[in-house]
Amino acid sequence: MMHPVPTKITTVAEFPKHTMPENLVVRADGSILVVASPQCEVWYVPAPTGQLPVEPLLLHTFDKKQLAQSFVEAAPDIFYVFTYGDAVLHRFDLRGWTPGEPVNPTKVLQFEPPAGPNGCCLLAPGVILVADCVEGLIWRVDLTNGGTSAAARVWLKHDSMNAGGGHPPVKFSDTQEVPFPGINGLRYGPKTRHVYYTTSSLGLFMRVAVDPATLEPAGEPEHLADIENVDDLCLDENLGVAYITRHPDHIIERASLEPGSSGSEAAAGDPFTDNLIGPTSIDWGRGPDDYGRVAYVPTDGGVIKLPSDGVLRPARLIRIEFAMESGASH
């Protein structure tokens, strides 16, 4: 099987130092939305088609207890953001929106404590799955009333999702810390009909089959790989691999989507590169040839773990362009 390897890493945008971008979504027009978790912010990054880096635009700031965790596009230019702390699902309608105009997100759903929404994915039209990194489970969220309201129920709870794992809390600042997350990243593979997830506390990469008729879990979760310090991920179902951000290790890992493989390997960041410090999430571009080749990654510059020189860099949005390496096997 041919393997993509990183051939070029480019800085697309820089954010203020100490910003911790947590997640992103690439829009159809190539622009990118990024959430900064402890800052409770949503940023807009123009499509990186010209001179780089581009200037990001602060799109929205949530209430101070609403840590912005993840994005999902449920319909063209209709985005949902999950916040943690004050656990809420927010709706952003960006149809017809132009940069510089105000946005007015609406509250769709309130989760009861101690819910900790983290990574999310679209399972089917109007159906979102979200990882609860505190309670160690996956919620199913069904959108109703044209997506302006929703109902949530537990989709799956499993020991492989548990929070803590003997780790200390994650400390964002002297006054702000959160429990060490359990299940974290979440993606659905429509070709393989599996949900893939990472568990930070246990260093796990897992999958569970989905019944296409009921959209319920089909069988028990399966172990795919043991990987330390996992965060979010994206899938390349054509190649049969996932790309997983190892946030404090400054590495992006590649692992097979099938059980019983030979483990995982670094796809970027080993050896260390100054362009990849604190990668938190990863998503494919939306260009016609981007899937499996061009990825966008937010980095925190060392907020969670400084690089070996002890110097904090600005938070960044980077682009990784993969080329095909012939003759490799997995």
C-alpha atoms as a PDB file:
ATOM      1  CA  MET A   1       0.000   0.000   0.000  1.00  0.00           C
ATOM      2  CA  MET A   2       1.210   3.506  -0.748  1.00  0.00           C
ATOM      3  CA  HIS A   3       1.720   5.850   2.181  1.00  0.00           C
ATOM      4  CA  PRO A   4       1.392   9.605   2.235  1.00  0.00           C
ATOM      5  CA  VAL A   5       4.280  11.323   3.972  1.00  0.00           C
ATOM      6  CA  PRO A   6       4.501  14.989   4.895  1.00  0.00           C
ATOM      7  CA  THR A   7       6.365  16.946   2.264  1.00  0.00           C
ATOM      8  CA  LYS A   8       5.456  20.488   3.217  1.00  0.00           C
ATOM      9  CA  ILE A   9       4.160  22.252   6.340  1.00  0.00           C
ATOM     10  CA  THR A  10       3.005  25.854   5.883  1.00  0.00           C
ATOM     11  CA  THR A  11       1.760  28.378   8.433  1.00  0.00           C
ATOM     12  CA  VAL A  12      -1.668  29.571   7.298  1.00  0.00           C
ATOM     13  CA  ALA A  13      -2.455  31.914  10.209  1.00  0.00           C
ATOM     14  CA  GLU A  14      -1.157  32.897  13.635  1.00  0.00           C
ATOM     15  CA  PHE A  15      -3.204  33.554  16.768  1.00  0.00           C
ATOM     16  CA  PRO A  16      -2.186  35.442  19.912  1.00  0.00           C
ATOM     17  CA  LYS A  17       0.278  33.650  22.196  1.00  0.00           C
ATOM     18  CA  HIS A  18      -1.343  31.536  24.935  1.00  0.00           C
ATOM     19  CA  THR A  19      -4.347  30.849  22.672  1.00  0.00           C
ATOM     20  CA  MET A  20      -5.228  27.162  22.630  1.00  0.00           C
ATOM     21  CA  PRO A  21      -7.049  26.298  19.407  1.00  0.00           C
ATOM     22  CA  GLU A  22      -8.906  23.073  20.069  1.00  0.00           C
ATOM     23  CA  ASN A  23     -10.743  22.133  16.895  1.00  0.00           C
ATOM     24  CA  LEU A  24     -11.549  23.238  13.379  1.00  0.00           C
ATOM     25  CA  VAL A  25     -13.805  22.753  10.404  1.00  0.00           C
ATOM     26  CA  VAL A  26     -13.029  23.559   6.783  1.00  0.00           C
ATOM     27  CA  ARG A  27     -15.843  25.294   4.892  1.00  0.00           C
ATOM     28  CA  ALA A  28     -16.794  24.543   1.290  1.00  0.00           C
ATOM     29  CA  ASP A  29     -15.225  27.824   0.128  1.00  0.00           C
ATOM     30  CA  GLY A  30     -11.887  26.868   1.687  1.00  0.00           C
ATOM     31  CA  SER A  31     -12.103  29.200   4.667  1.00  0.00           C
ATOM     32  CA  ILE A  32     -11.624  27.631   8.077  1.00  0.00           C
ATOM     33  CA  LEU A  33     -13.372  28.018  11.422  1.00  0.00           C
ATOM     34  CA  VAL A  34     -11.324  27.384  14.563  1.00  0.00           C
ATOM     35  CA  VAL A  35     -12.444  27.166  18.189  1.00  0.00           C
ATOM     36  CA  ALA A  36     -10.087  28.202  20.993  1.00  0.00           C
ATOM     37  CA  SER A  37     -11.185  26.265  24.053  1.00  0.00           C
ATOM     38  CA  PRO A  38     -10.070  28.106  27.232  1.00  0.00           C
ATOM     39  CA  GLN A  39     -10.476  31.456  25.480  1.00  0.00           C
ATOM     40  CA  CYS A  40     -14.108  30.537  24.618  1.00  0.00           C
ATOM     41  CA  GLU A  41     -13.556  31.880  21.114  1.00  0.00           C
ATOM     42  CA  VAL A  42     -14.493  31.111  17.519  1.00  0.00           C
ATOM     43  CA  TRP A  43     -12.102  32.350  14.836  1.00  0.00           C
ATOM     44  CA  TYR A  44     -12.559  32.744  11.081  1.00  0.00           C
ATOM     45  CA  VAL A  45      -9.541  32.142   8.843  1.00  0.00           C
ATOM     46  CA  PRO A  46      -9.836  33.251   5.193  1.00  0.00           C
ATOM     47  CA  ALA A  47      -9.230  30.648   2.512  1.00  0.00           C
ATOM     48  CA  PRO A  48      -5.439  30.281   2.205  1.00  0.00           C
ATOM     49  CA  THR A  49      -5.283  30.798  -1.549  1.00  0.00           C
ATOM     50  CA  GLY A  50      -2.938  33.785  -1.799  1.00  0.00           C
ATOM     51  CA  GLN A  51      -0.090  35.185   0.235  1.00  0.00           C
ATOM     52  CA  LEU A  52       0.422  33.477   3.586  1.00  0.00           C
ATOM     53  CA  PRO A  53      -0.051  33.796   6.459  1.00  0.00           C
ATOM     54  CA  VAL A  54      -3.538  35.296   6.350  1.00  0.00           C
ATOM     55  CA  GLU A  55      -5.067  37.374   9.135  1.00  0.00           C
ATOM     56  CA  PRO A  56      -7.619  35.521  11.283  1.00  0.00           C
ATOM     57  CA  LEU A  57     -10.793  37.271  12.401  1.00  0.00           C
ATOM     58  CA  LEU A  58     -12.366  36.774  15.835  1.00  0.00           C
ATOM     59  CA  LEU A  59     -15.886  35.678  14.989  1.00  0.00           C
ATOM     60  CA  HIS A  60     -17.488  35.133  18.393  1.00  0.00           C
ATOM     61  CA  THR A  61     -16.708  34.877  22.109  1.00  0.00           C
ATOM     62  CA  PHE A  62     -18.839  32.650  24.328  1.00  0.00           C
ATOM     63  CA  ASP A  63     -19.578  33.215  28.003  1.00  0.00           C
ATOM     64  CA  LYS A  64     -16.481  32.630  30.134  1.00  0.00           C
ATOM     65  CA  LYS A  65     -17.641  29.228  31.391  1.00  0.00           C
ATOM     66  CA  GLN A  66     -18.286  27.906  27.881  1.00  0.00           C
ATOM     67  CA  LEU A  67     -15.046  26.314  26.664  1.00  0.00           C
ATOM     68  CA  ALA A  68     -15.386  25.920  22.905  1.00  0.00           C
ATOM     69  CA  GLN A  69     -14.579  22.307  22.051  1.00  0.00           C
ATOM     70  CA  SER A  70     -15.684  21.121  18.621  1.00  0.00           C
ATOM     71  CA  PHE A  71     -17.324  21.946  15.313  1.00  0.00           C
ATOM     72  CA  VAL A  72     -19.575  20.011  12.974  1.00  0.00           C
ATOM     73  CA  GLU A  73     -21.245  21.127   9.743  1.00  0.00           C
ATOM     74  CA  ALA A  74     -24.720  19.578   9.736  1.00  0.00           C
ATOM     75  CA  ALA A  75     -25.927  21.247   6.520  1.00  0.00           C
ATOM     76  CA  PRO A  76     -24.216  23.599   4.055  1.00  0.00           C
ATOM     77  CA  ASP A  77     -22.911  26.540   6.124  1.00  0.00           C
ATOM     78  CA  ILE A  78     -24.915  25.469   9.193  1.00  0.00           C
ATOM     79  CA  PHE A  79     -22.426  24.740  11.965  1.00  0.00           C
ATOM     80  CA  TYR A  80     -22.808  23.460  15.501  1.00  0.00           C
ATOM     81  CA  VAL A  81     -20.329  24.130  18.308  1.00  0.00           C
ATOM     82  CA  PHE A  82     -20.212  22.176  21.564  1.00  0.00           C
ATOM     83  CA  THR A  83     -18.981  23.970  24.667  1.00  0.00           C
ATOM     84  CA  TYR A  84     -17.606  22.354  27.804  1.00  0.00           C
ATOM     85  CA  GLY A  85     -17.955  23.640  31.368  1.00  0.00           C
ATOM     86  CA  ASP A  86     -21.340  25.150  30.683  1.00  0.00           C
ATOM     87  CA  ALA A  87     -22.169  22.293  28.318  1.00  0.00           C
ATOM     88  CA  VAL A  88     -24.240  23.714  25.481  1.00  0.00           C
ATOM     89  CA  LEU A  89     -24.811  23.010  21.795  1.00  0.00           C
ATOM     90  CA  HIS A  90     -24.762  26.251  19.781  1.00  0.00           C
ATOM     91  CA  ARG A  91     -25.920  26.789  16.186  1.00  0.00           C
ATOM     92  CA  PHE A  92     -24.131  29.112  13.756  1.00  0.00           C
ATOM     93  CA  ASP A  93     -26.008  29.932  10.552  1.00  0.00           C
ATOM     94  CA  LEU A  94     -23.410  31.304   8.151  1.00  0.00           C
ATOM     95  CA  ARG A  95     -25.541  31.152   5.015  1.00  0.00           C
ATOM     96  CA  GLY A  96     -25.022  34.429   3.225  1.00  0.00           C
ATOM     97  CA  TRP A  97     -22.588  35.634   5.884  1.00  0.00           C
ATOM     98  CA  THR A  98     -19.629  37.773   4.830  1.00  0.00           C
ATOM     99  CA  PRO A  99     -16.488  38.351   6.925  1.00  0.00           C
ATOM    100  CA  GLY A 100     -16.819  41.332   9.210  1.00  0.00           C
ATOM    101  CA  GLU A 101     -20.537  40.927   9.751  1.00  0.00           C
ATOM    102  CA  PRO A 102     -21.677  39.981  13.269  1.00  0.00           C
ATOM    103  CA  VAL A 103     -22.854  36.454  13.939  1.00  0.00           C
ATOM    104  CA  ASN A 104     -25.612  35.518  16.337  1.00  0.00           C
ATOM    105  CA  PRO A 105     -25.360  31.884  17.419  1.00  0.00           C
ATOM    106  CA  THR A 106     -28.418  30.353  19.018  1.00  0.00           C
ATOM    107  CA  LYS A 107     -28.601  27.875  21.878  1.00  0.00           C
ATOM    108  CA  VAL A 108     -29.941  24.532  20.731  1.00  0.00           C
ATOM    109  CA  LEU A 109     -29.413  22.194  23.689  1.00  0.00           C
ATOM    110  CA  GLN A 110     -28.239  22.326  27.313  1.00  0.00           C
ATOM    111  CA  PHE A 111     -26.492  19.267  28.780  1.00  0.00           C
ATOM    112  CA  GLU A 112     -26.822  18.455  32.462  1.00  0.00           C
ATOM    113  CA  PRO A 113     -23.664  18.405  34.611  1.00  0.00           C
ATOM    114  CA  PRO A 114     -21.161  16.818  34.647  1.00  0.00           C
ATOM    115  CA  ALA A 115     -21.357  16.386  30.857  1.00  0.00           C
ATOM    116  CA  GLY A 116     -18.139  17.255  29.029  1.00  0.00           C
ATOM    117  CA  PRO A 117     -18.726  17.477  25.270  1.00  0.00           C
ATOM    118  CA  ASN A 118     -15.548  17.141  23.250  1.00  0.00           C
ATOM    119  CA  GLY A 119     -15.030  15.784  19.725  1.00  0.00           C
ATOM    120  CA  CYS A 120     -18.049  15.301  17.494  1.00  0.00           C
ATOM    121  CA  CYS A 121     -19.074  14.074  14.063  1.00  0.00           C
ATOM    122  CA  LEU A 122     -22.096  13.895  11.807  1.00  0.00           C
ATOM    123  CA  LEU A 123     -23.479  10.351  11.730  1.00  0.00           C
ATOM    124  CA  ALA A 124     -26.378  10.978   9.338  1.00  0.00           C
ATOM    125  CA  PRO A 125     -28.442  13.988   8.260  1.00  0.00           C
ATOM    126  CA  GLY A 126     -29.737  15.567  11.461  1.00  0.00           C
ATOM    127  CA  VAL A 127     -27.835  13.155  13.725  1.00  0.00           C
ATOM    128  CA  ILE A 128     -24.666  14.207  15.570  1.00  0.00           C
ATOM    129  CA  LEU A 129     -22.475  12.087  17.825  1.00  0.00           C
ATOM    130  CA  VAL A 130     -20.411  13.824  20.506  1.00  0.00           C
ATOM    131  CA  ALA A 131     -17.787  12.373  22.827  1.00  0.00           C
ATOM    132  CA  ASP A 132     -18.282  13.122  26.523  1.00  0.00           C
ATOM    133  CA  CYS A 133     -14.739  13.224  27.883  1.00  0.00           C
ATOM    134  CA  VAL A 134     -15.909  13.521  31.508  1.00  0.00           C
ATOM    135  CA  GLU A 135     -18.609  10.853  31.705  1.00  0.00           C
ATOM    136  CA  GLY A 136     -16.809   8.475  29.338  1.00  0.00           C
ATOM    137  CA  LEU A 137     -19.518   7.963  26.734  1.00  0.00           C
ATOM    138  CA  ILE A 138     -20.883   9.033  23.355  1.00  0.00           C
ATOM    139  CA  TRP A 139     -24.074  11.080  23.104  1.00  0.00           C
ATOM    140  CA  ARG A 140     -26.431  10.900  20.154  1.00  0.00           C
ATOM    141  CA  VAL A 141     -27.960  14.298  19.379  1.00  0.00           C
ATOM    142  CA  ASP A 142     -31.006  14.374  17.106  1.00  0.00           C
ATOM    143  CA  LEU A 143     -31.696  17.782  15.580  1.00  0.00           C
ATOM    144  CA  THR A 144     -35.336  18.837  15.338  1.00  0.00           C
ATOM    145  CA  ASN A 145     -37.368  21.805  14.103  1.00  0.00           C
ATOM    146  CA  GLY A 146     -35.090  22.481  11.190  1.00  0.00           C
ATOM    147  CA  GLY A 147     -32.014  22.163  13.379  1.00  0.00           C
ATOM    148  CA  THR A 148     -33.033  24.841  15.873  1.00  0.00           C
ATOM    149  CA  SER A 149     -33.651  22.392  18.727  1.00  0.00           C
ATOM    150  CA  ALA A 150     -32.349  18.962  19.662  1.00  0.00           C
ATOM    151  CA  ALA A 151     -32.664  15.969  21.966  1.00  0.00           C
ATOM    152  CA  ALA A 152     -29.737  13.967  23.367  1.00  0.00           C
ATOM    153  CA  ARG A 153     -29.450  10.414  24.653  1.00  0.00           C
ATOM    154  CA  VAL A 154     -26.570   8.071  25.409  1.00  0.00           C
ATOM    155  CA  TRP A 155     -25.478   6.270  22.248  1.00  0.00           C
ATOM    156  CA  LEU A 156     -22.709   4.153  23.789  1.00  0.00           C
ATOM    157  CA  LYS A 157     -20.847   3.901  27.093  1.00  0.00           C
ATOM    158  CA  HIS A 158     -17.775   1.673  27.377  1.00  0.00           C
ATOM    159  CA  ASP A 159     -14.788   1.231  29.693  1.00  0.00           C
ATOM    160  CA  SER A 160     -12.465   2.201  26.836  1.00  0.00           C
ATOM    161  CA  MET A 161     -13.879   5.745  27.079  1.00  0.00           C
ATOM    162  CA  ASN A 162     -13.292   6.415  30.786  1.00  0.00           C
ATOM    163  CA  ALA A 163     -11.792   9.717  31.947  1.00  0.00           C
ATOM    164  CA  GLY A 164      -8.918  10.148  34.392  1.00  0.00           C
ATOM    165  CA  GLY A 165      -6.726   7.124  33.896  1.00  0.00           C
ATOM    166  CA  GLY A 166      -4.582   8.208  36.850  1.00  0.00           C
ATOM    167  CA  HIS A 167      -3.550  11.436  35.116  1.00  0.00           C
ATOM    168  CA  PRO A 168      -3.658  14.852  36.824  1.00  0.00           C
ATOM    169  CA  PRO A 169      -6.166  17.445  35.590  1.00  0.00           C
ATOM    170  CA  VAL A 170      -5.309  19.505  32.512  1.00  0.00           C
ATOM    171  CA  LYS A 171      -4.288  22.968  33.680  1.00  0.00           C
ATOM    172  CA  PHE A 172      -4.900  25.849  31.276  1.00  0.00           C
ATOM    173  CA  SER A 173      -3.848  28.556  33.736  1.00  0.00           C
ATOM    174  CA  ASP A 174      -3.434  29.195  37.478  1.00  0.00           C
ATOM    175  CA  THR A 175      -7.210  29.441  37.819  1.00  0.00           C
ATOM    176  CA  GLN A 176      -8.518  27.116  35.106  1.00  0.00           C
ATOM    177  CA  GLU A 177      -8.208  23.337  34.907  1.00  0.00           C
ATOM    178  CA  VAL A 178     -10.351  20.453  33.693  1.00  0.00           C
ATOM    179  CA  PRO A 179     -10.343  16.692  34.396  1.00  0.00           C
ATOM    180  CA  PHE A 180      -7.983  14.681  32.206  1.00  0.00           C
ATOM    181  CA  PRO A 181     -10.191  13.760  29.243  1.00  0.00           C
ATOM    182  CA  GLY A 182     -11.336  10.261  28.451  1.00  0.00           C
ATOM    183  CA  ILE A 183     -12.859   9.755  25.008  1.00  0.00           C
ATOM    184  CA  ASN A 184     -11.775  12.714  22.929  1.00  0.00           C
ATOM    185  CA  GLY A 185     -11.684  12.558  19.128  1.00  0.00           C
ATOM    186  CA  LEU A 186     -14.598  11.134  17.162  1.00  0.00           C
ATOM    187  CA  ARG A 187     -15.102  10.470  13.433  1.00  0.00           C
ATOM    188  CA  TYR A 188     -17.563   8.426  11.388  1.00  0.00           C
ATOM    189  CA  GLY A 189     -16.369   6.521   8.336  1.00  0.00           C
ATOM    190  CA  PRO A 190     -19.292   6.152   5.906  1.00  0.00           C
ATOM    191  CA  LYS A 191     -17.422   3.640   3.742  1.00  0.00           C
ATOM    192  CA  THR A 192     -16.428   1.327   6.575  1.00  0.00           C
ATOM    193  CA  ARG A 193     -19.583   2.097   8.585  1.00  0.00           C
ATOM    194  CA  HIS A 194     -17.625   2.470  11.789  1.00  0.00           C
ATOM    195  CA  VAL A 195     -17.236   5.220  14.351  1.00  0.00           C
ATOM    196  CA  TYR A 196     -13.581   5.751  15.265  1.00  0.00           C
ATOM    197  CA  TYR A 197     -12.557   7.345  18.539  1.00  0.00           C
ATOM    198  CA  THR A 198      -9.532   8.191  20.646  1.00  0.00           C
ATOM    199  CA  THR A 199      -9.298   8.074  24.437  1.00  0.00           C
ATOM    200  CA  SER A 200      -6.686  10.423  25.857  1.00  0.00           C
ATOM    201  CA  SER A 201      -6.652   9.049  29.410  1.00  0.00           C
ATOM    202  CA  LEU A 202      -5.986   5.476  28.295  1.00  0.00           C
ATOM    203  CA  GLY A 203      -3.955   6.074  25.128  1.00  0.00           C
ATOM    204  CA  LEU A 204      -6.397   4.173  22.930  1.00  0.00           C
ATOM    205  CA  PHE A 205      -7.553   4.243  19.312  1.00  0.00           C
ATOM    206  CA  MET A 206     -10.806   2.301  18.929  1.00  0.00           C
ATOM    207  CA  ARG A 207     -13.694   1.684  16.567  1.00  0.00           C
ATOM    208  CA  VAL A 208     -17.280   0.482  16.803  1.00  0.00           C
ATOM    209  CA  ALA A 209     -19.517  -0.692  13.971  1.00  0.00           C
ATOM    210  CA  VAL A 210     -22.733   1.166  13.149  1.00  0.00           C
ATOM    211  CA  ASP A 211     -25.987  -0.485  12.088  1.00  0.00           C
ATOM    212  CA  PRO A 212     -26.902   1.440   8.912  1.00  0.00           C
ATOM    213  CA  ALA A 213     -30.622   0.889   9.442  1.00  0.00           C
ATOM    214  CA  THR A 214     -30.923   2.036  13.066  1.00  0.00           C
ATOM    215  CA  LEU A 215     -27.700   4.087  13.388  1.00  0.00           C
ATOM    216  CA  GLU A 216     -27.119   2.266  16.681  1.00  0.00           C
ATOM    217  CA  PRO A 217     -23.842   0.572  17.686  1.00  0.00           C
ATOM    218  CA  ALA A 218     -23.480  -2.905  16.192  1.00  0.00           C
ATOM    219  CA  GLY A 219     -21.393  -5.012  18.544  1.00  0.00           C
ATOM    220  CA  GLU A 220     -18.641  -4.174  20.993  1.00  0.00           C
ATOM    221  CA  PRO A 221     -15.895  -1.605  20.386  1.00  0.00           C
ATOM    222  CA  GLU A 222     -12.696  -2.994  18.846  1.00  0.00           C
ATOM    223  CA  HIS A 223      -9.136  -2.076  19.777  1.00  0.00           C
ATOM    224  CA  LEU A 224      -7.056  -0.644  16.929  1.00  0.00           C
ATOM    225  CA  ALA A 225      -3.893   0.730  18.536  1.00  0.00           C
ATOM    226  CA  ASP A 226      -2.245   1.917  21.741  1.00  0.00           C
ATOM    227  CA  ILE A 227      -1.057   5.496  21.161  1.00  0.00           C
ATOM    228  CA  GLU A 228       0.045   7.895  23.872  1.00  0.00           C
ATOM    229  CA  ASN A 229      -1.388  11.389  24.275  1.00  0.00           C
ATOM    230  CA  VAL A 230      -4.040  11.081  21.567  1.00  0.00           C
ATOM    231  CA  ASP A 231      -6.315  14.018  20.802  1.00  0.00           C
ATOM    232  CA  ASP A 232      -8.426  14.441  17.647  1.00  0.00           C
ATOM    233  CA  LEU A 233      -8.263  12.643  14.325  1.00  0.00           C
ATOM    234  CA  CYS A 234      -9.314  12.501  10.703  1.00  0.00           C
ATOM    235  CA  LEU A 235      -9.821   9.515   8.420  1.00  0.00           C
ATOM    236  CA  ASP A 236      -8.502   8.546   5.012  1.00  0.00           C
ATOM    237  CA  GLU A 237     -10.833   5.714   4.111  1.00  0.00           C
ATOM    238  CA  ASN A 238      -9.229   5.369   0.674  1.00  0.00           C
ATOM    239  CA  LEU A 239      -5.882   4.501   2.245  1.00  0.00           C
ATOM    240  CA  GLY A 240      -7.472   2.811   5.267  1.00  0.00           C
ATOM    241  CA  VAL A 241      -5.753   4.927   7.908  1.00  0.00           C
ATOM    242  CA  ALA A 242      -6.438   7.584  10.509  1.00  0.00           C
ATOM    243  CA  TYR A 243      -4.287  10.609  11.249  1.00  0.00           C
ATOM    244  CA  ILE A 244      -4.268  11.273  14.987  1.00  0.00           C
ATOM    245  CA  THR A 245      -2.889  14.349  16.720  1.00  0.00           C
ATOM    246  CA  ARG A 246      -0.643  13.616  19.694  1.00  0.00           C
ATOM    247  CA  HIS A 247      -1.079  17.038  21.230  1.00  0.00           C
ATOM    248  CA  PRO A 248       1.705  17.303  23.886  1.00  0.00           C
ATOM    249  CA  ASP A 249       4.109  15.155  21.843  1.00  0.00           C
ATOM    250  CA  HIS A 250       4.092  17.534  18.834  1.00  0.00           C
ATOM    251  CA  ILE A 251       3.394  14.567  16.552  1.00  0.00           C
ATOM    252  CA  ILE A 252       0.720  13.426  14.111  1.00  0.00           C
ATOM    253  CA  GLU A 253       0.387   9.641  14.170  1.00  0.00           C
ATOM    254  CA  ARG A 254      -0.908   7.375  11.414  1.00  0.00           C
ATOM    255  CA  ALA A 255      -2.751   4.167  12.311  1.00  0.00           C
ATOM    256  CA  SER A 256      -4.696   1.527  10.425  1.00  0.00           C
ATOM    257  CA  LEU A 257      -8.496   1.516  10.488  1.00  0.00           C
ATOM    258  CA  GLU A 258      -8.468  -2.276  10.813  1.00  0.00           C
ATOM    259  CA  PRO A 259      -7.745  -4.297  13.978  1.00  0.00           C
ATOM    260  CA  GLY A 260      -4.724  -6.559  14.101  1.00  0.00           C
ATOM    261  CA  SER A 261      -2.419  -4.208  12.216  1.00  0.00           C
ATOM    262  CA  SER A 262       1.228  -3.605  13.037  1.00  0.00           C
ATOM    263  CA  GLY A 263       0.531  -0.616  15.275  1.00  0.00           C
ATOM    264  CA  SER A 264       1.073   2.996  14.292  1.00  0.00           C
ATOM    265  CA  GLU A 265       3.804   5.325  13.074  1.00  0.00           C
ATOM    266  CA  ALA A 266       4.581   9.022  13.060  1.00  0.00           C
ATOM    267  CA  ALA A 267       3.302  10.802   9.957  1.00  0.00           C
ATOM    268  CA  ALA A 268       4.656  14.226  10.977  1.00  0.00           C
ATOM    269  CA  GLY A 269       6.697  15.653  13.849  1.00  0.00           C
ATOM    270  CA  ASP A 270       9.291  12.885  14.201  1.00  0.00           C
ATOM    271  CA  PRO A 271      11.931  14.186  13.982  1.00  0.00           C
ATOM    272  CA  PHE A 272      10.716  17.318  15.762  1.00  0.00           C
ATOM    273  CA  THR A 273       9.756  20.278  13.591  1.00  0.00           C
ATOM    274  CA  ASP A 274       9.236  23.825  14.818  1.00  0.00           C
ATOM    275  CA  ASN A 275       6.174  24.109  12.560  1.00  0.00           C
ATOM    276  CA  LEU A 276       4.226  21.469  14.511  1.00  0.00           C
ATOM    277  CA  ILE A 277       4.086  22.361  18.209  1.00  0.00           C
ATOM    278  CA  GLY A 278       1.003  21.202  20.095  1.00  0.00           C
ATOM    279  CA  PRO A 279      -1.285  19.869  17.320  1.00  0.00           C
ATOM    280  CA  THR A 280      -4.821  19.544  18.649  1.00  0.00           C
ATOM    281  CA  SER A 281      -7.005  18.559  15.702  1.00  0.00           C
ATOM    282  CA  ILE A 282      -6.875  17.762  11.988  1.00  0.00           C
ATOM    283  CA  ASP A 283      -9.281  18.056   9.080  1.00  0.00           C
ATOM    284  CA  TRP A 284      -8.998  17.621   5.329  1.00  0.00           C
ATOM    285  CA  GLY A 285      -9.251  20.540   2.954  1.00  0.00           C
ATOM    286  CA  ARG A 286     -12.333  20.819   0.749  1.00  0.00           C
ATOM    287  CA  GLY A 287     -10.584  21.157  -2.630  1.00  0.00           C
ATOM    288  CA  PRO A 288     -11.250  18.484  -5.277  1.00  0.00           C
ATOM    289  CA  ASP A 289      -7.920  16.735  -4.624  1.00  0.00           C
ATOM    290  CA  ASP A 290      -7.475  17.563  -0.927  1.00  0.00           C
ATOM    291  CA  TYR A 291      -8.912  14.428   0.695  1.00  0.00           C
ATOM    292  CA  GLY A 292      -6.031  12.260   1.885  1.00  0.00           C
ATOM    293  CA  ARG A 293      -3.475  14.812   0.717  1.00  0.00           C
ATOM    294  CA  VAL A 294      -4.011  18.316   2.184  1.00  0.00           C
ATOM    295  CA  ALA A 295      -4.812  18.656   5.886  1.00  0.00           C
ATOM    296  CA  TYR A 296      -5.251  21.624   8.211  1.00  0.00           C
ATOM    297  CA  VAL A 297      -4.073  21.452  11.813  1.00  0.00           C
ATOM    298  CA  PRO A 298      -4.395  23.981  14.671  1.00  0.00           C
ATOM    299  CA  THR A 299      -1.412  24.093  17.039  1.00  0.00           C
ATOM    300  CA  ASP A 300      -1.119  25.691  20.486  1.00  0.00           C
ATOM    301  CA  GLY A 301       2.562  26.677  20.267  1.00  0.00           C
ATOM    302  CA  GLY A 302       3.364  24.830  23.484  1.00  0.00           C
ATOM    303  CA  VAL A 303       0.582  25.956  25.838  1.00  0.00           C
ATOM    304  CA  ILE A 304       0.051  22.431  27.160  1.00  0.00           C
ATOM    305  CA  LYS A 305       3.668  21.279  26.794  1.00  0.00           C
ATOM    306  CA  LEU A 306       6.549  23.499  25.759  1.00  0.00           C
ATOM    307  CA  PRO A 307       9.051  22.160  23.237  1.00  0.00           C
ATOM    308  CA  SER A 308      12.494  21.177  24.496  1.00  0.00           C
ATOM    309  CA  ASP A 309      13.876  24.720  24.205  1.00  0.00           C
ATOM    310  CA  GLY A 310      11.228  25.966  26.658  1.00  0.00           C
ATOM    311  CA  VAL A 311      10.064  28.758  24.342  1.00  0.00           C
ATOM    312  CA  LEU A 312       6.340  29.351  23.752  1.00  0.00           C
ATOM    313  CA  ARG A 313       5.421  30.017  20.121  1.00  0.00           C
ATOM    314  CA  PRO A 314       2.276  31.688  18.806  1.00  0.00           C
ATOM    315  CA  ALA A 315      -0.692  29.420  18.245  1.00  0.00           C
ATOM    316  CA  ARG A 316      -1.032  28.628  14.560  1.00  0.00           C
ATOM    317  CA  LEU A 317      -3.162  27.077  11.895  1.00  0.00           C
ATOM    318  CA  ILE A 318      -0.925  25.049   9.618  1.00  0.00           C
ATOM    319  CA  ARG A 319      -1.392  23.218   6.342  1.00  0.00           C
ATOM    320  CA  ILE A 320       0.234  19.848   5.785  1.00  0.00           C
ATOM    321  CA  GLU A 321       0.580  18.690   2.191  1.00  0.00           C
ATOM    322  CA  PHE A 322       1.143  14.959   1.889  1.00  0.00           C
ATOM    323  CA  ALA A 323       2.791  13.287  -1.091  1.00  0.00           C
ATOM    324  CA  MET A 324       2.583   9.630  -1.975  1.00  0.00           C
ATOM    325  CA  GLU A 325       5.492   7.433  -0.939  1.00  0.00           C
ATOM    326  CA  SER A 326       5.662   4.413  -3.193  1.00  0.00           C
ATOM    327  CA  GLY A 327       6.787   1.033  -2.030  1.00  0.00           C
ATOM    328  CA  ALA A 328       5.714   1.454   1.584  1.00  0.00           C
ATOM    329  CA  SER A 329       3.605  -1.146   3.330  1.00  0.00           C
ATOM    330  CA  HIS A 330       1.383  -0.973   6.351  1.00  0.00           C
END
